[in-house]
Amino acid sequence: MVIIEVCVDDVAGVEIAGRKGADRVELCRELDVGGLTPSLESIGKALAVAPTHGVRVLVRENRESFFLSEDEVEEQARLIEQIRRTFSGAEVPLGFVVGGLERGPDGAVINQAGAQRWREAAGEHSLIFHRAFDELAEPTAALGLLSKLGYTGILSAGSTTGLANPAALGAYRNAQPDLAVIGSGGLRAHNIAQVIRSAGLSEVHFRAPRSGKTGTSEQVVEETVAAVRSLTRSN
């Protein structure tokens, strides 16, 4: 089975994702800037109507950069802790999506102190390193660090273009089999099955924005989910 995750920016999107057959949602706000941390009120309402595999909450406060100061690292950790404590009794799985970079001699590297702090803050909950992963100078080498720190997986397109690169995604999966590689990057009904097959993915992630509007398109979710389910039925 391929787990389908839809990125949504409100509770109505959570309901649409569940109704149209998605397995899990990533919840955020302000998708126009790549997503920011949603409110506690939104998280609570989302958990009440979430699909079976639950909600992963994006924790991101810097709308302009993945390069974070020490204060921003700690702010994200405190938010994770607050959300974890507030919804400790959730009836569906609650996880977190987070990330941050710093500058190394050869380009962007994972903010290791931050990554460790966020892992501690999340406790036993699942923790995904977000699309900042695609900005790394040496992404394959970073997989071992995330595994060592106890991350659940990565969210990645396998490229810096924003479009899925199946070859890179498959290479990440083979390089670190204990980390979930959640494929993303322009996935829709017309291409998602091919990306899944080529990369050998077991989890995918996509947005489904309504044309020219905020919110989630029921049609895009329905068509994209159907394309994935058709693939799994044919195997």
C-alpha atoms as a PDB file:
ATOM      1  CA  MET A   1       0.000   0.000   0.000  1.00  0.00           C
ATOM      2  CA  VAL A   2       1.187   3.498  -0.840  1.00  0.00           C
ATOM      3  CA  ILE A   3       0.421   6.055   1.876  1.00  0.00           C
ATOM      4  CA  ILE A   4      -1.026   9.234   0.401  1.00  0.00           C
ATOM      5  CA  GLU A   5      -0.481  12.501   2.257  1.00  0.00           C
ATOM      6  CA  VAL A   6      -2.148  15.762   1.235  1.00  0.00           C
ATOM      7  CA  CYS A   7      -0.754  19.110   2.349  1.00  0.00           C
ATOM      8  CA  VAL A   8      -3.605  21.374   3.453  1.00  0.00           C
ATOM      9  CA  ASP A   9      -3.911  24.806   5.021  1.00  0.00           C
ATOM     10  CA  ASP A  10      -7.240  24.577   6.808  1.00  0.00           C
ATOM     11  CA  VAL A  11      -9.676  22.166   8.436  1.00  0.00           C
ATOM     12  CA  ALA A  12     -11.872  22.030   5.344  1.00  0.00           C
ATOM     13  CA  GLY A  13      -8.865  20.647   3.482  1.00  0.00           C
ATOM     14  CA  VAL A  14      -8.450  17.933   6.103  1.00  0.00           C
ATOM     15  CA  GLU A  15     -12.058  16.904   5.601  1.00  0.00           C
ATOM     16  CA  ILE A  16     -11.685  16.867   1.815  1.00  0.00           C
ATOM     17  CA  ALA A  17      -8.518  14.766   2.000  1.00  0.00           C
ATOM     18  CA  GLY A  18     -10.187  12.172   4.209  1.00  0.00           C
ATOM     19  CA  ARG A  19     -13.391  12.096   2.199  1.00  0.00           C
ATOM     20  CA  LYS A  20     -11.518  11.605  -1.078  1.00  0.00           C
ATOM     21  CA  GLY A  21      -9.403   8.724   0.203  1.00  0.00           C
ATOM     22  CA  ALA A  22      -6.103  10.205   1.391  1.00  0.00           C
ATOM     23  CA  ASP A  23      -4.428   8.466   4.324  1.00  0.00           C
ATOM     24  CA  ARG A  24      -2.840  11.404   6.130  1.00  0.00           C
ATOM     25  CA  VAL A  25      -2.559  15.186   5.998  1.00  0.00           C
ATOM     26  CA  GLU A  26       0.217  17.649   6.610  1.00  0.00           C
ATOM     27  CA  LEU A  27      -1.349  20.712   8.208  1.00  0.00           C
ATOM     28  CA  CYS A  28       0.058  24.212   7.904  1.00  0.00           C
ATOM     29  CA  ARG A  29      -1.033  27.759   7.175  1.00  0.00           C
ATOM     30  CA  GLU A  30       0.016  30.226   4.460  1.00  0.00           C
ATOM     31  CA  LEU A  31       0.919  27.819   1.717  1.00  0.00           C
ATOM     32  CA  ASP A  32       1.780  30.799  -0.488  1.00  0.00           C
ATOM     33  CA  VAL A  33       5.079  31.101   1.429  1.00  0.00           C
ATOM     34  CA  GLY A  34       5.674  27.355   1.603  1.00  0.00           C
ATOM     35  CA  GLY A  35       3.691  26.798   4.789  1.00  0.00           C
ATOM     36  CA  LEU A  36       3.986  27.992   8.382  1.00  0.00           C
ATOM     37  CA  THR A  37       2.971  26.587  11.763  1.00  0.00           C
ATOM     38  CA  PRO A  38      -0.832  26.348  12.089  1.00  0.00           C
ATOM     39  CA  SER A  39      -2.712  27.551  15.157  1.00  0.00           C
ATOM     40  CA  LEU A  40      -3.513  25.263  18.075  1.00  0.00           C
ATOM     41  CA  GLU A  41      -7.183  25.712  17.265  1.00  0.00           C
ATOM     42  CA  SER A  42      -6.668  24.464  13.705  1.00  0.00           C
ATOM     43  CA  ILE A  43      -4.624  21.499  14.895  1.00  0.00           C
ATOM     44  CA  GLY A  44      -7.310  20.463  17.374  1.00  0.00           C
ATOM     45  CA  LYS A  45     -10.058  20.651  14.763  1.00  0.00           C
ATOM     46  CA  ALA A  46      -7.918  18.807  12.227  1.00  0.00           C
ATOM     47  CA  LEU A  47      -7.223  15.923  14.599  1.00  0.00           C
ATOM     48  CA  ALA A  48     -10.958  15.538  15.171  1.00  0.00           C
ATOM     49  CA  VAL A  49     -11.680  14.904  11.469  1.00  0.00           C
ATOM     50  CA  ALA A  50      -8.354  13.486  10.238  1.00  0.00           C
ATOM     51  CA  PRO A  51      -7.913  10.344   8.117  1.00  0.00           C
ATOM     52  CA  THR A  52      -6.754   7.094   9.732  1.00  0.00           C
ATOM     53  CA  HIS A  53      -3.021   7.867   9.533  1.00  0.00           C
ATOM     54  CA  GLY A  54      -3.551  11.187  11.245  1.00  0.00           C
ATOM     55  CA  VAL A  55      -1.975  14.621  11.041  1.00  0.00           C
ATOM     56  CA  ARG A  56       1.592  15.795  10.674  1.00  0.00           C
ATOM     57  CA  VAL A  57       1.992  19.409  11.714  1.00  0.00           C
ATOM     58  CA  LEU A  58       4.441  21.652   9.918  1.00  0.00           C
ATOM     59  CA  VAL A  59       6.481  23.643  12.433  1.00  0.00           C
ATOM     60  CA  ARG A  60       8.100  26.563  10.630  1.00  0.00           C
ATOM     61  CA  GLU A  61       8.166  30.219  11.658  1.00  0.00           C
ATOM     62  CA  ASN A  62      10.720  31.793   9.307  1.00  0.00           C
ATOM     63  CA  ARG A  63       8.847  32.512   6.087  1.00  0.00           C
ATOM     64  CA  GLU A  64      11.938  33.735   4.228  1.00  0.00           C
ATOM     65  CA  SER A  65      14.708  31.203   4.822  1.00  0.00           C
ATOM     66  CA  PHE A  66      15.568  27.692   5.935  1.00  0.00           C
ATOM     67  CA  PHE A  67      18.732  29.057   7.564  1.00  0.00           C
ATOM     68  CA  LEU A  68      17.816  29.532  11.203  1.00  0.00           C
ATOM     69  CA  SER A  69      19.278  31.402  14.143  1.00  0.00           C
ATOM     70  CA  GLU A  70      19.672  29.746  17.537  1.00  0.00           C
ATOM     71  CA  ASP A  71      16.571  31.583  18.736  1.00  0.00           C
ATOM     72  CA  GLU A  72      14.557  30.309  15.771  1.00  0.00           C
ATOM     73  CA  VAL A  73      15.746  26.751  16.398  1.00  0.00           C
ATOM     74  CA  GLU A  74      14.572  27.000  19.992  1.00  0.00           C
ATOM     75  CA  GLU A  75      11.276  28.612  18.995  1.00  0.00           C
ATOM     76  CA  GLN A  76      10.484  25.660  16.749  1.00  0.00           C
ATOM     77  CA  ALA A  77      11.379  23.246  19.546  1.00  0.00           C
ATOM     78  CA  ARG A  78       9.095  25.020  22.005  1.00  0.00           C
ATOM     79  CA  LEU A  79       6.241  24.923  19.525  1.00  0.00           C
ATOM     80  CA  ILE A  80       6.687  21.183  19.019  1.00  0.00           C
ATOM     81  CA  GLU A  81       6.641  20.663  22.783  1.00  0.00           C
ATOM     82  CA  GLN A  82       3.541  22.806  23.191  1.00  0.00           C
ATOM     83  CA  ILE A  83       1.648  20.999  20.446  1.00  0.00           C
ATOM     84  CA  ARG A  84       2.730  17.599  21.761  1.00  0.00           C
ATOM     85  CA  ARG A  85       1.540  18.391  25.288  1.00  0.00           C
ATOM     86  CA  THR A  86      -1.701  20.013  24.180  1.00  0.00           C
ATOM     87  CA  PHE A  87      -2.791  17.061  22.045  1.00  0.00           C
ATOM     88  CA  SER A  88      -1.287  14.169  23.974  1.00  0.00           C
ATOM     89  CA  GLY A  89      -4.654  12.399  23.985  1.00  0.00           C
ATOM     90  CA  ALA A  90      -5.274  12.574  20.242  1.00  0.00           C
ATOM     91  CA  GLU A  91      -7.135   9.574  18.843  1.00  0.00           C
ATOM     92  CA  VAL A  92      -5.199   9.562  15.563  1.00  0.00           C
ATOM     93  CA  PRO A  93      -1.413   9.712  15.063  1.00  0.00           C
ATOM     94  CA  LEU A  94       0.160  13.134  15.528  1.00  0.00           C
ATOM     95  CA  GLY A  95       3.545  13.862  13.996  1.00  0.00           C
ATOM     96  CA  PHE A  96       5.720  16.796  13.082  1.00  0.00           C
ATOM     97  CA  VAL A  97       7.445  18.172   9.994  1.00  0.00           C
ATOM     98  CA  VAL A  98      10.414  20.431  10.637  1.00  0.00           C
ATOM     99  CA  GLY A  99      13.790  21.428   9.272  1.00  0.00           C
ATOM    100  CA  GLY A 100      16.599  23.918   9.256  1.00  0.00           C
ATOM    101  CA  LEU A 101      19.955  24.526   7.619  1.00  0.00           C
ATOM    102  CA  GLU A 102      23.273  26.155   8.306  1.00  0.00           C
ATOM    103  CA  ARG A 103      26.149  27.099   6.049  1.00  0.00           C
ATOM    104  CA  GLY A 104      29.028  24.657   5.698  1.00  0.00           C
ATOM    105  CA  PRO A 105      32.282  25.019   3.758  1.00  0.00           C
ATOM    106  CA  ASP A 106      30.764  23.415   0.652  1.00  0.00           C
ATOM    107  CA  GLY A 107      27.218  24.726   0.916  1.00  0.00           C
ATOM    108  CA  ALA A 108      24.087  24.095   2.949  1.00  0.00           C
ATOM    109  CA  VAL A 109      24.147  21.402   5.649  1.00  0.00           C
ATOM    110  CA  ILE A 110      21.596  20.268   8.207  1.00  0.00           C
ATOM    111  CA  ASN A 111      21.486  22.376  11.356  1.00  0.00           C
ATOM    112  CA  GLN A 112      22.599  19.448  13.475  1.00  0.00           C
ATOM    113  CA  ALA A 113      22.033  21.053  16.875  1.00  0.00           C
ATOM    114  CA  GLY A 114      18.559  22.057  15.769  1.00  0.00           C
ATOM    115  CA  ALA A 115      17.755  18.665  14.316  1.00  0.00           C
ATOM    116  CA  GLN A 116      18.711  16.991  17.583  1.00  0.00           C
ATOM    117  CA  ARG A 117      16.741  19.514  19.647  1.00  0.00           C
ATOM    118  CA  TRP A 118      13.615  18.989  17.531  1.00  0.00           C
ATOM    119  CA  ARG A 119      13.925  15.222  17.821  1.00  0.00           C
ATOM    120  CA  GLU A 120      14.023  15.536  21.598  1.00  0.00           C
ATOM    121  CA  ALA A 121      11.076  17.944  21.581  1.00  0.00           C
ATOM    122  CA  ALA A 122       8.922  15.561  19.515  1.00  0.00           C
ATOM    123  CA  GLY A 123       9.302  12.717  22.005  1.00  0.00           C
ATOM    124  CA  GLU A 124       7.907   9.480  20.618  1.00  0.00           C
ATOM    125  CA  HIS A 125       6.010  11.183  17.793  1.00  0.00           C
ATOM    126  CA  SER A 126       6.998  10.768  14.158  1.00  0.00           C
ATOM    127  CA  LEU A 127       9.331  13.469  12.851  1.00  0.00           C
ATOM    128  CA  ILE A 128       9.952  14.322   9.208  1.00  0.00           C
ATOM    129  CA  PHE A 129      12.704  16.595   7.859  1.00  0.00           C
ATOM    130  CA  HIS A 130      10.973  18.871   5.366  1.00  0.00           C
ATOM    131  CA  ARG A 131      11.833  20.081   1.865  1.00  0.00           C
ATOM    132  CA  ALA A 132      14.834  22.046   3.136  1.00  0.00           C
ATOM    133  CA  PHE A 133      16.457  18.649   2.531  1.00  0.00           C
ATOM    134  CA  ASP A 134      16.477  19.448  -1.178  1.00  0.00           C
ATOM    135  CA  GLU A 135      18.692  22.487  -0.576  1.00  0.00           C
ATOM    136  CA  LEU A 136      21.531  20.437   0.933  1.00  0.00           C
ATOM    137  CA  ALA A 137      24.906  20.376  -0.779  1.00  0.00           C
ATOM    138  CA  GLU A 138      25.222  16.621  -0.136  1.00  0.00           C
ATOM    139  CA  PRO A 139      21.739  15.238   0.544  1.00  0.00           C
ATOM    140  CA  THR A 140      22.642  11.558   0.385  1.00  0.00           C
ATOM    141  CA  ALA A 141      25.306  11.997   3.066  1.00  0.00           C
ATOM    142  CA  ALA A 142      22.752  13.721   5.320  1.00  0.00           C
ATOM    143  CA  LEU A 143      20.499  10.661   5.400  1.00  0.00           C
ATOM    144  CA  GLY A 144      22.786   8.865   7.843  1.00  0.00           C
ATOM    145  CA  LEU A 145      22.701  11.788  10.259  1.00  0.00           C
ATOM    146  CA  LEU A 146      18.903  11.926  10.258  1.00  0.00           C
ATOM    147  CA  SER A 147      18.727   8.175  10.794  1.00  0.00           C
ATOM    148  CA  LYS A 148      21.168   8.392  13.688  1.00  0.00           C
ATOM    149  CA  LEU A 149      19.114  11.160  15.290  1.00  0.00           C
ATOM    150  CA  GLY A 150      15.965   9.049  15.062  1.00  0.00           C
ATOM    151  CA  TYR A 151      14.015  10.850  12.374  1.00  0.00           C
ATOM    152  CA  THR A 152      11.142   8.999  10.754  1.00  0.00           C
ATOM    153  CA  GLY A 153      11.865  10.183   7.243  1.00  0.00           C
ATOM    154  CA  ILE A 154      12.338  13.007   4.774  1.00  0.00           C
ATOM    155  CA  LEU A 155      10.011  14.988   2.535  1.00  0.00           C
ATOM    156  CA  SER A 156      11.771  15.469  -0.776  1.00  0.00           C
ATOM    157  CA  ALA A 157      11.391  16.060  -4.478  1.00  0.00           C
ATOM    158  CA  GLY A 158      14.918  14.828  -5.082  1.00  0.00           C
ATOM    159  CA  SER A 159      15.715  18.089  -6.864  1.00  0.00           C
ATOM    160  CA  THR A 160      15.989  21.838  -6.394  1.00  0.00           C
ATOM    161  CA  THR A 161      13.543  22.527  -9.225  1.00  0.00           C
ATOM    162  CA  GLY A 162      10.445  21.735  -7.197  1.00  0.00           C
ATOM    163  CA  LEU A 163       9.629  18.814  -9.501  1.00  0.00           C
ATOM    164  CA  ALA A 164      10.027  15.177  -8.523  1.00  0.00           C
ATOM    165  CA  ASN A 165      13.213  13.427  -9.639  1.00  0.00           C
ATOM    166  CA  PRO A 166      12.464   9.690  -9.361  1.00  0.00           C
ATOM    167  CA  ALA A 167      16.098   8.648  -9.795  1.00  0.00           C
ATOM    168  CA  ALA A 168      17.241  10.715  -6.818  1.00  0.00           C
ATOM    169  CA  LEU A 169      14.296   9.649  -4.674  1.00  0.00           C
ATOM    170  CA  GLY A 170      15.027   6.008  -5.408  1.00  0.00           C
ATOM    171  CA  ALA A 171      18.686   6.540  -4.559  1.00  0.00           C
ATOM    172  CA  TYR A 172      17.756   8.072  -1.190  1.00  0.00           C
ATOM    173  CA  ARG A 173      15.485   5.125  -0.433  1.00  0.00           C
ATOM    174  CA  ASN A 174      18.214   2.622  -1.256  1.00  0.00           C
ATOM    175  CA  ALA A 175      20.910   4.530   0.642  1.00  0.00           C
ATOM    176  CA  GLN A 176      18.994   4.617   3.942  1.00  0.00           C
ATOM    177  CA  PRO A 177      16.200   2.022   3.969  1.00  0.00           C
ATOM    178  CA  ASP A 178      15.196   2.771   7.569  1.00  0.00           C
ATOM    179  CA  LEU A 179      14.139   6.320   6.642  1.00  0.00           C
ATOM    180  CA  ALA A 180      10.822   6.878   4.899  1.00  0.00           C
ATOM    181  CA  VAL A 181      11.265   8.810   1.668  1.00  0.00           C
ATOM    182  CA  ILE A 182       8.060  10.767   1.112  1.00  0.00           C
ATOM    183  CA  GLY A 183       8.110  11.730  -2.541  1.00  0.00           C
ATOM    184  CA  SER A 184       6.772  15.119  -3.545  1.00  0.00           C
ATOM    185  CA  GLY A 185       7.231  17.811  -6.160  1.00  0.00           C
ATOM    186  CA  GLY A 186       4.434  18.632  -8.585  1.00  0.00           C
ATOM    187  CA  LEU A 187       2.695  15.291  -8.192  1.00  0.00           C
ATOM    188  CA  ARG A 188      -0.719  15.022  -9.829  1.00  0.00           C
ATOM    189  CA  ALA A 189      -2.892  12.370 -11.438  1.00  0.00           C
ATOM    190  CA  HIS A 190      -0.945  12.485 -14.707  1.00  0.00           C
ATOM    191  CA  ASN A 191       2.492  11.698 -13.220  1.00  0.00           C
ATOM    192  CA  ILE A 192       2.205  10.327  -9.694  1.00  0.00           C
ATOM    193  CA  ALA A 193       1.991   6.648 -10.674  1.00  0.00           C
ATOM    194  CA  GLN A 194       5.114   6.874 -12.820  1.00  0.00           C
ATOM    195  CA  VAL A 195       7.077   8.562 -10.023  1.00  0.00           C
ATOM    196  CA  ILE A 196       5.975   5.906  -7.525  1.00  0.00           C
ATOM    197  CA  ARG A 197       6.986   3.078  -9.868  1.00  0.00           C
ATOM    198  CA  SER A 198      10.306   4.590 -10.905  1.00  0.00           C
ATOM    199  CA  ALA A 199      11.421   5.544  -7.387  1.00  0.00           C
ATOM    200  CA  GLY A 200       9.905   2.555  -5.575  1.00  0.00           C
ATOM    201  CA  LEU A 201       8.064   4.856  -3.183  1.00  0.00           C
ATOM    202  CA  SER A 202       5.718   3.738  -0.420  1.00  0.00           C
ATOM    203  CA  GLU A 203       4.658   7.279   0.569  1.00  0.00           C
ATOM    204  CA  VAL A 204       3.777  10.352  -1.478  1.00  0.00           C
ATOM    205  CA  HIS A 205       2.833  13.940  -0.687  1.00  0.00           C
ATOM    206  CA  PHE A 206       1.086  16.571  -2.755  1.00  0.00           C
ATOM    207  CA  ARG A 207      -0.745  19.859  -2.534  1.00  0.00           C
ATOM    208  CA  ALA A 208      -4.098  20.355  -4.219  1.00  0.00           C
ATOM    209  CA  PRO A 209      -4.745  24.112  -4.315  1.00  0.00           C
ATOM    210  CA  ARG A 210      -7.881  25.445  -5.897  1.00  0.00           C
ATOM    211  CA  SER A 211      -7.158  27.495  -9.006  1.00  0.00           C
ATOM    212  CA  GLY A 212      -6.609  31.114  -8.035  1.00  0.00           C
ATOM    213  CA  LYS A 213      -7.902  30.530  -4.525  1.00  0.00           C
ATOM    214  CA  THR A 214      -6.855  29.355  -1.106  1.00  0.00           C
ATOM    215  CA  GLY A 215      -8.051  25.995   0.112  1.00  0.00           C
ATOM    216  CA  THR A 216      -8.023  22.488  -1.314  1.00  0.00           C
ATOM    217  CA  SER A 217      -9.466  21.245  -4.605  1.00  0.00           C
ATOM    218  CA  GLU A 218     -11.701  18.220  -4.156  1.00  0.00           C
ATOM    219  CA  GLN A 219     -11.255  17.301  -7.807  1.00  0.00           C
ATOM    220  CA  VAL A 220      -7.444  17.343  -7.693  1.00  0.00           C
ATOM    221  CA  VAL A 221      -7.389  15.229  -4.527  1.00  0.00           C
ATOM    222  CA  GLU A 222      -9.898  12.744  -5.918  1.00  0.00           C
ATOM    223  CA  GLU A 223      -8.101  12.341  -9.250  1.00  0.00           C
ATOM    224  CA  THR A 224      -4.636  12.055  -7.727  1.00  0.00           C
ATOM    225  CA  VAL A 225      -5.717   9.549  -5.091  1.00  0.00           C
ATOM    226  CA  ALA A 226      -7.481   7.499  -7.781  1.00  0.00           C
ATOM    227  CA  ALA A 227      -4.295   7.379  -9.856  1.00  0.00           C
ATOM    228  CA  VAL A 228      -2.348   5.974  -6.897  1.00  0.00           C
ATOM    229  CA  ARG A 229      -5.030   3.433  -6.003  1.00  0.00           C
ATOM    230  CA  SER A 230      -5.224   2.251  -9.614  1.00  0.00           C
ATOM    231  CA  LEU A 231      -1.509   1.620  -9.560  1.00  0.00           C
ATOM    232  CA  THR A 232      -1.628  -0.414  -6.368  1.00  0.00           C
ATOM    233  CA  ARG A 233      -4.598  -2.473  -7.625  1.00  0.00           C
ATOM    234  CA  SER A 234      -2.713  -3.362 -10.796  1.00  0.00           C
ATOM    235  CA  ASN A 235       0.353  -4.650  -8.897  1.00  0.00           C
END
